[in-house]
C-alpha atoms as a PDB file:
ATOM      1  CA  MET A   1     -29.515-182.300 -90.397  1.00  0.00           C
ATOM      2  CA  ASN A   2     -28.191-183.025 -86.930  1.00  0.00           C
ATOM      3  CA  GLU A   3     -24.938-181.143 -86.300  1.00  0.00           C
ATOM      4  CA  LEU A   4     -23.489-183.473 -83.634  1.00  0.00           C
ATOM      5  CA  SER A   5     -20.417-185.019 -85.281  1.00  0.00           C
ATOM      6  CA  TRP A   6     -18.238-187.957 -84.263  1.00  0.00           C
ATOM      7  CA  THR A   7     -15.566-185.440 -83.357  1.00  0.00           C
ATOM      8  CA  ALA A   8     -17.988-183.592 -81.082  1.00  0.00           C
ATOM      9  CA  VAL A   9     -18.948-186.823 -79.303  1.00  0.00           C
ATOM     10  CA  GLU A  10     -15.277-187.761 -78.812  1.00  0.00           C
ATOM     11  CA  ASP A  11     -14.547-184.261 -77.497  1.00  0.00           C
ATOM     12  CA  LEU A  12     -17.433-184.506 -75.002  1.00  0.00           C
ATOM     13  CA  VAL A  13     -16.113-187.853 -73.786  1.00  0.00           C
ATOM     14  CA  LEU A  14     -12.546-186.540 -73.466  1.00  0.00           C
ATOM     15  CA  ALA A  15     -13.709-183.481 -71.514  1.00  0.00           C
ATOM     16  CA  ALA A  16     -15.764-185.638 -69.123  1.00  0.00           C
ATOM     17  CA  LEU A  17     -12.848-188.006 -68.583  1.00  0.00           C
ATOM     18  CA  GLN A  18     -10.442-185.121 -67.964  1.00  0.00           C
ATOM     19  CA  ALA A  19     -12.809-183.659 -65.372  1.00  0.00           C
ATOM     20  CA  GLN A  20     -13.258-187.032 -63.628  1.00  0.00           C
ATOM     21  CA  LEU A  21      -9.783-188.568 -63.867  1.00  0.00           C
ATOM     22  CA  GLY A  22      -7.632-185.434 -63.765  1.00  0.00           C
ATOM     23  CA  ASP A  23      -4.057-186.236 -62.773  1.00  0.00           C
ATOM     24  CA  ALA A  24      -4.788-189.966 -62.368  1.00  0.00           C
ATOM     25  CA  VAL A  25      -3.824-190.418 -66.031  1.00  0.00           C
ATOM     26  CA  LYS A  26      -0.770-189.031 -67.788  1.00  0.00           C
ATOM     27  CA  THR A  27      -2.082-189.495 -71.340  1.00  0.00           C
ATOM     28  CA  LEU A  28      -5.684-188.803 -72.326  1.00  0.00           C
ATOM     29  CA  LYS A  29      -6.371-188.446 -76.028  1.00  0.00           C
ATOM     30  CA  SER A  30      -8.326-189.473 -79.086  1.00  0.00           C
ATOM     31  CA  TYR A  31      -6.691-192.487 -80.700  1.00  0.00           C
ATOM     32  CA  GLN A  32      -7.242-194.668 -83.735  1.00  0.00           C
ATOM     33  CA  GLY A  33      -4.419-197.084 -84.337  1.00  0.00           C
ATOM     34  CA  ASN A  34      -2.693-200.321 -83.401  1.00  0.00           C
ATOM     35  CA  TRP A  35      -2.246-200.084 -79.645  1.00  0.00           C
ATOM     36  CA  GLN A  36      -0.136-203.279 -79.436  1.00  0.00           C
ATOM     37  CA  GLU A  37       2.554-201.823 -81.685  1.00  0.00           C
ATOM     38  CA  ASP A  38       2.344-198.360 -80.158  1.00  0.00           C
ATOM     39  CA  LEU A  39       2.555-199.725 -76.603  1.00  0.00           C
ATOM     40  CA  ARG A  40       5.897-201.380 -77.449  1.00  0.00           C
ATOM     41  CA  ARG A  41       7.202-198.062 -78.700  1.00  0.00           C
ATOM     42  CA  GLU A  42       6.288-196.498 -75.343  1.00  0.00           C
ATOM     43  CA  GLY A  43       4.811-193.475 -77.106  1.00  0.00           C
ATOM     44  CA  TRP A  44       2.449-192.702 -74.237  1.00  0.00           C
ATOM     45  CA  ARG A  45       3.050-191.700 -70.683  1.00  0.00           C
ATOM     46  CA  LEU A  46       1.227-194.288 -68.591  1.00  0.00           C
ATOM     47  CA  PRO A  47      -1.343-194.658 -67.222  1.00  0.00           C
ATOM     48  CA  ALA A  48      -3.110-193.770 -70.444  1.00  0.00           C
ATOM     49  CA  VAL A  49      -6.758-193.557 -71.482  1.00  0.00           C
ATOM     50  CA  LEU A  50      -7.350-193.526 -75.225  1.00  0.00           C
ATOM     51  CA  VAL A  51     -10.735-192.809 -76.816  1.00  0.00           C
ATOM     52  CA  GLY A  52     -11.712-193.845 -80.323  1.00  0.00           C
ATOM     53  CA  LEU A  53     -14.639-194.689 -82.534  1.00  0.00           C
ATOM     54  CA  GLU A  54     -15.016-198.474 -82.733  1.00  0.00           C
ATOM     55  CA  GLU A  55     -17.832-198.470 -85.290  1.00  0.00           C
ATOM     56  CA  SER A  56     -20.934-196.664 -86.430  1.00  0.00           C
ATOM     57  CA  ARG A  57     -24.119-198.086 -87.875  1.00  0.00           C
ATOM     58  CA  THR A  58     -27.153-196.504 -89.450  1.00  0.00           C
ATOM     59  CA  GLU A  59     -30.731-197.629 -89.746  1.00  0.00           C
ATOM     60  CA  GLN A  60     -33.363-195.798 -91.762  1.00  0.00           C
ATOM     61  CA  VAL A  61     -36.348-194.878 -89.578  1.00  0.00           C
ATOM     62  CA  GLY A  62     -38.185-192.550 -91.975  1.00  0.00           C
ATOM     63  CA  PRO A  63     -38.027-191.238 -95.527  1.00  0.00           C
ATOM     64  CA  SER A  64     -35.104-188.930 -94.713  1.00  0.00           C
ATOM     65  CA  SER A  65     -34.302-189.866 -91.124  1.00  0.00           C
ATOM     66  CA  TYR A  66     -31.713-192.310 -89.804  1.00  0.00           C
ATOM     67  CA  ASP A  67     -30.672-193.629 -86.415  1.00  0.00           C
ATOM     68  CA  LEU A  68     -26.906-193.417 -86.138  1.00  0.00           C
ATOM     69  CA  THR A  69     -25.382-195.694 -83.499  1.00  0.00           C
ATOM     70  CA  LEU A  70     -21.841-194.949 -82.339  1.00  0.00           C
ATOM     71  CA  ASN A  71     -19.677-197.396 -80.414  1.00  0.00           C
ATOM     72  CA  LEU A  72     -16.755-195.798 -78.615  1.00  0.00           C
ATOM     73  CA  ARG A  73     -13.818-197.830 -77.377  1.00  0.00           C
ATOM     74  CA  ILE A  74     -11.939-196.602 -74.335  1.00  0.00           C
ATOM     75  CA  LEU A  75      -8.511-198.203 -73.853  1.00  0.00           C
ATOM     76  CA  VAL A  76      -7.020-198.109 -70.355  1.00  0.00           C
ATOM     77  CA  MET A  77      -3.284-198.817 -70.157  1.00  0.00           C
ATOM     78  CA  VAL A  78      -1.241-199.142 -66.991  1.00  0.00           C
ATOM     79  CA  ARG A  79       2.383-200.047 -66.439  1.00  0.00           C
ATOM     80  CA  SER A  80       3.416-201.489 -63.110  1.00  0.00           C
ATOM     81  CA  LEU A  81       6.775-202.961 -62.218  1.00  0.00           C
ATOM     82  CA  ARG A  82       5.078-204.630 -59.241  1.00  0.00           C
ATOM     83  CA  GLY A  83       3.271-207.064 -61.569  1.00  0.00           C
ATOM     84  CA  GLU A  84      -0.111-207.468 -63.169  1.00  0.00           C
ATOM     85  CA  ASP A  85      -2.003-207.818 -59.878  1.00  0.00           C
ATOM     86  CA  ALA A  86      -0.883-204.347 -58.794  1.00  0.00           C
ATOM     87  CA  ALA A  87      -1.598-202.947 -62.251  1.00  0.00           C
ATOM     88  CA  ARG A  88      -5.192-204.101 -61.919  1.00  0.00           C
ATOM     89  CA  ARG A  89      -5.983-203.719 -58.228  1.00  0.00           C
ATOM     90  CA  ALA A  90      -3.728-201.070 -56.677  1.00  0.00           C
ATOM     91  CA  PRO A  91      -4.848-197.436 -56.346  1.00  0.00           C
ATOM     92  CA  GLY A  92      -4.431-195.871 -59.779  1.00  0.00           C
ATOM     93  CA  GLY A  93      -4.696-199.304 -61.399  1.00  0.00           C
ATOM     94  CA  VAL A  94      -6.995-200.375 -64.183  1.00  0.00           C
ATOM     95  CA  TYR A  95      -9.926-201.223 -61.906  1.00  0.00           C
ATOM     96  CA  SER A  96     -10.003-197.792 -60.291  1.00  0.00           C
ATOM     97  CA  LEU A  97      -9.587-196.055 -63.666  1.00  0.00           C
ATOM     98  CA  LEU A  98     -12.455-198.083 -65.138  1.00  0.00           C
ATOM     99  CA  ALA A  99     -14.621-197.103 -62.158  1.00  0.00           C
ATOM    100  CA  GLY A 100     -13.803-193.432 -62.777  1.00  0.00           C
ATOM    101  CA  ILE A 101     -14.616-193.822 -66.466  1.00  0.00           C
ATOM    102  CA  ARG A 102     -17.980-195.380 -65.584  1.00  0.00           C
ATOM    103  CA  GLN A 103     -18.730-192.509 -63.247  1.00  0.00           C
ATOM    104  CA  ALA A 104     -17.811-189.946 -65.924  1.00  0.00           C
ATOM    105  CA  LEU A 105     -19.636-191.502 -68.878  1.00  0.00           C
ATOM    106  CA  TRP A 106     -22.437-193.890 -67.983  1.00  0.00           C
ATOM    107  CA  HIS A 107     -25.860-192.370 -68.752  1.00  0.00           C
ATOM    108  CA  GLN A 108     -24.382-189.039 -69.842  1.00  0.00           C
ATOM    109  CA  ASP A 109     -25.605-187.003 -72.807  1.00  0.00           C
ATOM    110  CA  TRP A 110     -24.327-183.569 -71.671  1.00  0.00           C
ATOM    111  CA  GLY A 111     -27.523-181.949 -72.948  1.00  0.00           C
ATOM    112  CA  GLN A 112     -26.797-182.989 -76.517  1.00  0.00           C
ATOM    113  CA  PRO A 113     -29.318-184.546 -78.942  1.00  0.00           C
ATOM    114  CA  MET A 114     -28.071-188.092 -78.370  1.00  0.00           C
ATOM    115  CA  LEU A 115     -29.023-191.084 -76.273  1.00  0.00           C
ATOM    116  CA  PRO A 116     -27.132-191.244 -72.984  1.00  0.00           C
ATOM    117  CA  LEU A 117     -23.955-193.310 -73.184  1.00  0.00           C
ATOM    118  CA  ALA A 118     -24.455-196.919 -72.141  1.00  0.00           C
ATOM    119  CA  LEU A 119     -21.714-199.273 -71.030  1.00  0.00           C
ATOM    120  CA  VAL A 120     -21.732-202.283 -73.354  1.00  0.00           C
ATOM    121  CA  GLY A 121     -18.824-204.133 -71.772  1.00  0.00           C
ATOM    122  CA  GLU A 122     -15.304-204.144 -70.389  1.00  0.00           C
ATOM    123  CA  GLU A 123     -12.640-206.710 -71.177  1.00  0.00           C
ATOM    124  CA  PRO A 124      -8.967-207.403 -70.525  1.00  0.00           C
ATOM    125  CA  LEU A 125      -6.799-207.219 -73.631  1.00  0.00           C
ATOM    126  CA  LEU A 126      -3.355-207.690 -72.081  1.00  0.00           C
ATOM    127  CA  ASN A 127      -2.104-208.751 -68.664  1.00  0.00           C
ATOM    128  CA  SER A 128       1.664-209.138 -68.443  1.00  0.00           C
ATOM    129  CA  GLN A 129       4.232-208.592 -65.714  1.00  0.00           C
ATOM    130  CA  GLU A 130       4.707-205.044 -66.970  1.00  0.00           C
ATOM    131  CA  HIS A 131       1.558-203.856 -68.790  1.00  0.00           C
ATOM    132  CA  THR A 132      -2.160-204.216 -68.252  1.00  0.00           C
ATOM    133  CA  VAL A 133      -4.621-203.068 -70.912  1.00  0.00           C
ATOM    134  CA  TYR A 134      -8.404-203.158 -70.693  1.00  0.00           C
ATOM    135  CA  ALA A 135     -11.043-201.936 -73.132  1.00  0.00           C
ATOM    136  CA  ALA A 136     -14.429-200.458 -72.269  1.00  0.00           C
ATOM    137  CA  LEU A 137     -17.071-200.165 -74.966  1.00  0.00           C
ATOM    138  CA  TYR A 138     -19.751-197.460 -74.732  1.00  0.00           C
ATOM    139  CA  ARG A 139     -22.678-196.912 -77.089  1.00  0.00           C
ATOM    140  CA  THR A 140     -24.820-193.922 -77.975  1.00  0.00           C
ATOM    141  CA  ALA A 141     -27.213-193.095 -80.789  1.00  0.00           C
ATOM    142  CA  LEU A 142     -28.594-190.012 -82.416  1.00  0.00           C
ATOM    143  CA  VAL A 143     -31.046-189.189 -85.180  1.00  0.00           C
ATOM    144  CA  GLN A 144     -29.765-187.764 -88.427  1.00  0.00           C
ATOM    145  CA  ASP A 145     -32.322-186.010 -90.621  1.00  0.00           C
ATOM    146  CA  PHE A 146     -31.566-185.180 -94.228  1.00  0.00           C
END
């Protein structure tokens, strides 16, 4: 059986993002929750990048072998008192953080038995005068033998 767990994949992603983004983000962590509620509570130091499993799917490809597809959601959160345009476009804004995330993750497998990460899409989730939140979805797959 393949030993690469969801936790291991998340940890690889977090390590790559830490190496690429460094001090550009103040919060970088694994997260599974309701970001709208948690953003109001101001529980994170912003800018924040949060990594979580969006979904996983399996497909049987042999008598005891399955393809496991993992979709990872990367949330990018920025707070700017200069408005949403600055939160998106200024240095350290969402656009530059998304570019750094692409550079860190796209086509990476870190020598592990998985398909290289592929960018599925990026989308704005919130653009207000104070906060800007975007999501990036990445996909990988691996074979699980039983």
